[in-house]
């Protein structure tokens, strides 16, 4: 998304992972392909981005409409996502930065998801004319 009178700086691009219980049939897979998710209930990690309900924009554009029908839950809380997966509510799709941060240990497997060249892009968006003198210093340091 772009905002008028603003600039942005990419601070990282992250691949996606599928999170499954260790006894799930996909847990031994080296990489999951989207077609393998066709009949799975999905839990998506979403950030608090407000998009109109009738919008064609969604946070995971690599998921086709057939797979999007399988979405059982969307939340921005990674700990809840892991609990949902462990409870058998579905399997999750999360960006890599959620995989390597400390989390609860509940016997889950994290498998790379083949999304082609699509990655989760993390950006900082800031005003073009920054009023805060520390902003330029901060942007230079990251």
Protein backbone atom coordinates (compact mmCIF):
# COMPACT_ATOMS: atom_id res chain seq x y z
CA UNK A 1 0.00 0.00 0.00
CA UNK A 2 1.18 3.52 -0.73
CA UNK A 3 0.17 6.69 1.02
CA UNK A 4 0.32 10.20 -0.39
CA UNK A 5 3.14 12.39 0.89
CA UNK A 6 5.01 9.44 2.34
CA UNK A 7 8.14 7.42 1.74
CA UNK A 8 8.88 3.83 2.65
CA UNK A 9 11.90 1.70 3.37
CA UNK A 10 11.91 -2.09 3.11
CA UNK A 11 13.52 -3.65 6.15
CA UNK A 12 13.04 -7.27 5.13
CA UNK A 13 11.37 -9.77 2.83
CA UNK A 14 10.35 -13.08 4.37
CA UNK A 15 9.17 -16.40 2.91
CA UNK A 16 6.15 -18.20 4.32
CA UNK A 17 5.91 -21.38 6.37
CA UNK A 18 3.13 -23.84 7.06
CA UNK A 19 2.71 -24.81 10.72
CA UNK A 20 1.28 -28.26 11.46
CA UNK A 21 1.16 -30.62 14.44
CA UNK A 22 4.10 -33.06 14.38
CA UNK A 23 1.69 -35.96 13.69
CA UNK A 24 0.16 -34.26 10.60
CA UNK A 25 0.87 -35.96 7.27
CA UNK A 26 2.68 -32.82 5.98
CA UNK A 27 5.07 -32.63 8.95
CA UNK A 28 7.77 -34.71 7.24
CA UNK A 29 7.58 -32.75 3.99
CA UNK A 30 10.60 -30.67 2.92
CA UNK A 31 8.43 -28.01 1.22
CA UNK A 32 4.66 -27.61 0.94
CA UNK A 33 3.07 -26.68 -2.37
CA UNK A 34 -0.13 -24.62 -2.48
CA UNK A 35 -2.06 -27.46 -4.14
CA UNK A 36 -1.42 -29.59 -1.02
CA UNK A 37 -3.48 -27.11 1.02
CA UNK A 38 -6.60 -27.53 -1.12
CA UNK A 39 -8.55 -29.45 1.55
CA UNK A 40 -6.95 -28.08 4.70
CA UNK A 41 -8.59 -25.66 7.14
CA UNK A 42 -6.27 -22.67 7.24
CA UNK A 43 -5.36 -20.20 9.95
CA UNK A 44 -3.72 -17.08 8.57
CA UNK A 45 -1.49 -14.60 10.33
CA UNK A 46 -2.86 -11.21 9.46
CA UNK A 47 -1.73 -7.84 10.64
CA UNK A 48 -4.20 -5.18 11.67
CA UNK A 49 -4.68 -3.80 8.19
CA UNK A 50 -8.13 -2.42 7.57
CA UNK A 51 -9.35 -3.35 4.11
CA UNK A 52 -12.98 -2.98 2.98
CA UNK A 53 -14.87 -6.30 3.06
CA UNK A 54 -15.62 -6.20 -0.68
CA UNK A 55 -12.00 -5.45 -1.61
CA UNK A 56 -9.99 -7.71 -3.89
CA UNK A 57 -6.94 -6.95 -1.74
CA UNK A 58 -6.10 -9.54 0.89
CA UNK A 59 -2.97 -10.08 2.94
CA UNK A 60 -1.92 -13.26 1.12
CA UNK A 61 -2.19 -12.61 -2.63
CA UNK A 62 -0.40 -15.88 -3.44
CA UNK A 63 -3.47 -17.81 -2.19
CA UNK A 64 -6.00 -18.42 -4.93
CA UNK A 65 -9.77 -18.12 -4.43
CA UNK A 66 -10.19 -21.89 -4.08
CA UNK A 67 -7.75 -22.04 -1.17
CA UNK A 68 -9.08 -18.82 0.40
CA UNK A 69 -12.41 -20.65 0.88
CA UNK A 70 -10.64 -22.89 3.42
CA UNK A 71 -9.69 -20.07 5.77
CA UNK A 72 -11.13 -20.92 9.19
CA UNK A 73 -9.47 -18.19 11.24
CA UNK A 74 -7.51 -14.96 10.70
CA UNK A 75 -5.69 -13.39 13.62
CA UNK A 76 -2.72 -11.16 14.32
CA UNK A 77 -1.70 -13.05 17.49
CA UNK A 78 0.96 -15.67 16.75
CA UNK A 79 0.55 -17.42 20.10
CA UNK A 80 -3.17 -17.94 19.43
CA UNK A 81 -2.34 -19.27 15.98
CA UNK A 82 0.00 -21.88 17.45
CA UNK A 83 -2.59 -22.91 20.05
CA UNK A 84 -5.25 -23.26 17.32
CA UNK A 85 -2.92 -25.49 15.29
CA UNK A 86 -2.01 -27.61 18.33
CA UNK A 87 -5.74 -27.97 19.14
CA UNK A 88 -6.44 -29.29 15.64
CA UNK A 89 -8.53 -26.34 14.42
CA UNK A 90 -6.43 -26.09 11.25
CA UNK A 91 -2.94 -25.54 9.93
CA UNK A 92 -1.32 -22.12 9.79
CA UNK A 93 0.48 -20.02 7.24
CA UNK A 94 2.94 -17.61 8.84
CA UNK A 95 5.84 -15.45 7.62
CA UNK A 96 9.37 -16.51 8.50
CA UNK A 97 9.81 -13.81 11.14
CA UNK A 98 7.16 -15.64 13.21
CA UNK A 99 9.02 -18.93 12.93
CA UNK A 100 12.27 -17.90 14.57
CA UNK A 101 11.10 -15.77 17.46
CA UNK A 102 10.66 -17.43 20.88
CA UNK A 103 7.33 -19.18 21.18
CA UNK A 104 5.55 -21.78 23.23
CA UNK A 105 6.76 -25.34 22.68
CA UNK A 106 3.75 -27.46 21.70
CA UNK A 107 5.11 -30.06 19.24
CA UNK A 108 4.61 -28.20 15.98
CA UNK A 109 6.46 -28.56 12.69
CA UNK A 110 7.38 -25.56 10.52
CA UNK A 111 7.66 -26.33 6.81
CA UNK A 112 8.59 -23.86 4.03
CA UNK A 113 5.66 -22.98 1.75
CA UNK A 114 6.29 -22.65 -1.96
CA UNK A 115 4.81 -19.26 -2.88
CA UNK A 116 6.95 -18.73 -5.95
CA UNK A 117 8.67 -15.38 -5.67
CA UNK A 118 6.11 -13.90 -3.27
CA UNK A 119 7.50 -12.84 0.12
CA UNK A 120 6.08 -10.94 3.08
CA UNK A 121 7.55 -7.46 2.78
CA UNK A 122 8.10 -5.55 5.98
CA UNK A 123 8.28 -1.80 5.40
CA UNK A 124 8.44 1.33 7.44
CA UNK A 125 6.23 4.07 6.02
CA UNK A 126 7.03 7.61 7.12
CA UNK A 127 6.05 11.15 6.10
CA UNK A 128 7.97 12.65 3.21
CA UNK A 129 8.42 15.85 5.19
CA UNK A 130 9.38 14.53 8.59
CA UNK A 131 8.53 16.78 11.49
CA UNK A 132 10.55 14.71 13.93
CA UNK A 133 14.31 15.40 13.62
CA UNK A 134 15.12 11.93 14.96
CA UNK A 135 13.24 10.21 12.14
CA UNK A 136 15.93 10.79 9.50
CA UNK A 137 18.60 9.51 11.93
CA UNK A 138 16.49 6.43 12.69
CA UNK A 139 15.92 5.69 9.00
CA UNK A 140 19.65 5.97 8.29
CA UNK A 141 20.43 3.43 11.03
CA UNK A 142 18.10 0.66 9.82
